[in-house]
C-alpha atoms as a PDB file:
ATOM      1  CA  MET A   1      99.617 -14.672  26.518  1.00  0.00           C
ATOM      2  CA  GLY A   2      96.077 -14.256  28.717  1.00  0.00           C
ATOM      3  CA  ILE A   3      95.733 -11.153  29.451  1.00  0.00           C
ATOM      4  CA  ALA A   4      91.499 -11.900  30.286  1.00  0.00           C
ATOM      5  CA  ARG A   5      91.995 -15.741  30.335  1.00  0.00           C
ATOM      6  CA  ASP A   6      94.757 -18.403  31.289  1.00  0.00           C
ATOM      7  CA  TYR A   7      96.071 -19.525  28.171  1.00  0.00           C
ATOM      8  CA  PHE A   8      97.706 -22.642  29.559  1.00  0.00           C
ATOM      9  CA  LYS A   9      94.107 -23.420  31.573  1.00  0.00           C
ATOM     10  CA  GLN A  10      92.384 -22.788  28.646  1.00  0.00           C
ATOM     11  CA  ARG A  11      94.552 -25.045  26.019  1.00  0.00           C
ATOM     12  CA  GLY A  12      95.342 -28.102  28.702  1.00  0.00           C
ATOM     13  CA  GLY A  13      97.847 -29.853  29.277  1.00  0.00           C
ATOM     14  CA  GLU A  14     101.248 -29.614  31.240  1.00  0.00           C
ATOM     15  CA  LEU A  15     103.341 -26.659  30.998  1.00  0.00           C
ATOM     16  CA  THR A  16     106.580 -27.437  28.741  1.00  0.00           C
ATOM     17  CA  GLY A  17     109.974 -24.998  29.207  1.00  0.00           C
ATOM     18  CA  VAL A  18     108.525 -22.922  25.653  1.00  0.00           C
ATOM     19  CA  ASP A  19     105.437 -22.025  27.411  1.00  0.00           C
ATOM     20  CA  ASN A  20     107.911 -19.939  29.838  1.00  0.00           C
ATOM     21  CA  GLY A  21     108.334 -18.192  26.899  1.00  0.00           C
ATOM     22  CA  ARG A  22     110.929 -14.898  27.306  1.00  0.00           C
ATOM     23  CA  PHE A  23     111.850 -15.710  30.661  1.00  0.00           C
ATOM     24  CA  ASN A  24     114.163 -18.556  28.868  1.00  0.00           C
ATOM     25  CA  VAL A  25     116.675 -15.783  27.304  1.00  0.00           C
ATOM     26  CA  THR A  26     115.952 -12.546  30.303  1.00  0.00           C
ATOM     27  CA  LYS A  27     115.581 -15.201  33.409  1.00  0.00           C
ATOM     28  CA  GLN A  28     113.520 -12.049  34.688  1.00  0.00           C
ATOM     29  CA  GLU A  29     110.792 -13.408  36.403  1.00  0.00           C
ATOM     30  CA  LYS A  30     108.477 -10.490  34.470  1.00  0.00           C
ATOM     31  CA  ASP A  31     109.231 -11.998  31.091  1.00  0.00           C
ATOM     32  CA  ARG A  32     107.643 -14.985  31.863  1.00  0.00           C
ATOM     33  CA  HIS A  33     104.741 -16.391  29.761  1.00  0.00           C
ATOM     34  CA  PHE A  34     105.590 -12.933  27.427  1.00  0.00           C
ATOM     35  CA  PHE A  35     106.106 -14.160  23.767  1.00  0.00           C
ATOM     36  CA  LYS A  36     107.912 -12.227  21.300  1.00  0.00           C
ATOM     37  CA  VAL A  37     105.476 -11.797  18.270  1.00  0.00           C
ATOM     38  CA  PRO A  38     106.334 -12.024  14.481  1.00  0.00           C
ATOM     39  CA  VAL A  39     104.799  -9.744  11.820  1.00  0.00           C
ATOM     40  CA  LEU A  40     102.002 -10.219  10.558  1.00  0.00           C
ATOM     41  CA  ARG A  41     103.628  -9.918   6.614  1.00  0.00           C
ATOM     42  CA  ASN A  42     102.735 -14.047   5.460  1.00  0.00           C
ATOM     43  CA  ILE A  43     101.337 -14.625   8.515  1.00  0.00           C
ATOM     44  CA  GLU A  44      98.597 -16.841   6.419  1.00  0.00           C
ATOM     45  CA  LEU A  45     101.549 -19.341   5.606  1.00  0.00           C
ATOM     46  CA  THR A  46     103.404 -19.794   8.171  1.00  0.00           C
ATOM     47  CA  PHE A  47     100.796 -21.931  10.547  1.00  0.00           C
ATOM     48  CA  PRO A  48     100.486 -23.280  12.855  1.00  0.00           C
ATOM     49  CA  TYR A  49     100.554 -20.228  15.281  1.00  0.00           C
ATOM     50  CA  PHE A  50     101.729 -19.877  18.459  1.00  0.00           C
ATOM     51  CA  HIS A  51     104.598 -20.213  20.554  1.00  0.00           C
ATOM     52  CA  ASP A  52     103.488 -24.045  20.894  1.00  0.00           C
ATOM     53  CA  GLY A  53     102.227 -24.507  17.996  1.00  0.00           C
ATOM     54  CA  SER A  54      98.871 -25.552  18.803  1.00  0.00           C
ATOM     55  CA  ALA A  55      96.442 -23.216  16.692  1.00  0.00           C
ATOM     56  CA  GLU A  56      96.373 -25.177  13.188  1.00  0.00           C
ATOM     57  CA  THR A  57      94.427 -22.468  11.438  1.00  0.00           C
ATOM     58  CA  LEU A  58      94.129 -18.402  11.728  1.00  0.00           C
ATOM     59  CA  VAL A  59      90.923 -18.998  11.947  1.00  0.00           C
ATOM     60  CA  ASP A  60      91.629 -21.005  15.254  1.00  0.00           C
ATOM     61  CA  ALA A  61      94.062 -18.658  15.963  1.00  0.00           C
ATOM     62  CA  VAL A  62      91.772 -15.070  16.162  1.00  0.00           C
ATOM     63  CA  ARG A  63      88.868 -17.165  18.040  1.00  0.00           C
ATOM     64  CA  ILE A  64      91.407 -18.165  21.392  1.00  0.00           C
ATOM     65  CA  MET A  65      93.367 -14.613  21.344  1.00  0.00           C
ATOM     66  CA  GLY A  66      90.182 -12.767  21.030  1.00  0.00           C
ATOM     67  CA  GLN A  67      88.892 -15.158  24.523  1.00  0.00           C
ATOM     68  CA  VAL A  68      92.673 -15.060  26.262  1.00  0.00           C
ATOM     69  CA  GLN A  69      93.650 -11.954  25.083  1.00  0.00           C
ATOM     70  CA  LEU A  70      90.275  -9.228  24.959  1.00  0.00           C
ATOM     71  CA  GLY A  71      88.148 -11.960  26.418  1.00  0.00           C
ATOM     72  CA  LYS A  72      85.856 -12.113  23.748  1.00  0.00           C
ATOM     73  CA  ASN A  73      84.051 -14.504  21.826  1.00  0.00           C
ATOM     74  CA  PHE A  74      84.048 -13.368  18.161  1.00  0.00           C
ATOM     75  CA  SER A  75      81.455 -14.660  15.743  1.00  0.00           C
ATOM     76  CA  GLY A  76      82.051 -16.263  12.747  1.00  0.00           C
ATOM     77  CA  ASP A  77      81.894 -12.966  10.800  1.00  0.00           C
ATOM     78  CA  GLU A  78      84.188 -11.100  13.022  1.00  0.00           C
ATOM     79  CA  ILE A  79      86.396 -14.462  12.815  1.00  0.00           C
ATOM     80  CA  GLY A  80      86.149 -14.328   9.205  1.00  0.00           C
ATOM     81  CA  ASN A  81      86.350 -10.584   8.647  1.00  0.00           C
ATOM     82  CA  MET A  82      90.202 -10.395  10.509  1.00  0.00           C
ATOM     83  CA  VAL A  83      91.354 -13.663   8.929  1.00  0.00           C
ATOM     84  CA  ALA A  84      89.827 -11.768   5.311  1.00  0.00           C
ATOM     85  CA  PHE A  85      92.530  -9.100   6.633  1.00  0.00           C
ATOM     86  CA  LEU A  86      95.223 -10.664   7.272  1.00  0.00           C
ATOM     87  CA  LYS A  87      95.462 -12.701   4.195  1.00  0.00           C
ATOM     88  CA  THR A  88      95.484  -9.636   2.494  1.00  0.00           C
ATOM     89  CA  LEU A  89      98.963  -9.294   4.009  1.00  0.00           C
ATOM     90  CA  THR A  90     100.712 -12.142   2.072  1.00  0.00           C
ATOM     91  CA  GLY A  91     103.300 -11.253  -0.266  1.00  0.00           C
ATOM     92  CA  GLU A  92     103.680 -12.115  -3.995  1.00  0.00           C
ATOM     93  CA  TYR A  93     106.297 -13.356  -6.252  1.00  0.00           C
ATOM     94  CA  LYS A  94     106.573 -12.314 -10.005  1.00  0.00           C
ATOM     95  CA  GLY A  95     103.013 -11.246  -9.922  1.00  0.00           C
ATOM     96  CA  LYS A  96     101.723 -14.496  -7.975  1.00  0.00           C
ATOM     97  CA  PRO A  97     100.198 -14.665  -4.592  1.00  0.00           C
ATOM     98  CA  LEU A  98     103.093 -16.493  -2.520  1.00  0.00           C
ATOM     99  CA  GLY A  99     100.327 -19.127  -1.520  1.00  0.00           C
ATOM    100  CA  GLU A 100      99.609 -20.062  -4.469  1.00  0.00           C
ATOM    101  CA  LEU A 101     103.188 -20.780  -6.149  1.00  0.00           C
ATOM    102  CA  THR A 102     104.891 -24.180  -7.155  1.00  0.00           C
ATOM    103  CA  ALA A 103     108.800 -25.028  -7.053  1.00  0.00           C
ATOM    104  CA  GLU A 104     108.414 -24.107 -10.821  1.00  0.00           C
ATOM    105  CA  ASP A 105     106.944 -20.707 -10.476  1.00  0.00           C
ATOM    106  CA  ILE A 106     110.557 -20.007  -7.925  1.00  0.00           C
ATOM    107  CA  ARG A 107     113.030 -21.957 -10.307  1.00  0.00           C
END
């Protein structure tokens, strides 16, 4: 995590065991700070984001990933467009977007 910038330095604070990523499973140094990335389906509903839960919103996640993975500071419009796209990946149940369902809708 952090091809263009050091994510952990940018985040601040001490490193924790969870920050080791796949290394915790494989014990191979090449896997340190590598993380299994979940599918983007329903990403709008799976906050907080990142392995450490440090990004509260999709806006935060897109902004941070642009910085640490690509070395880019996206404009507000660029972030808004990416977030709008990610929200199109949210599914439906009985014709209603998952983000709008109530417990009554599921019964």
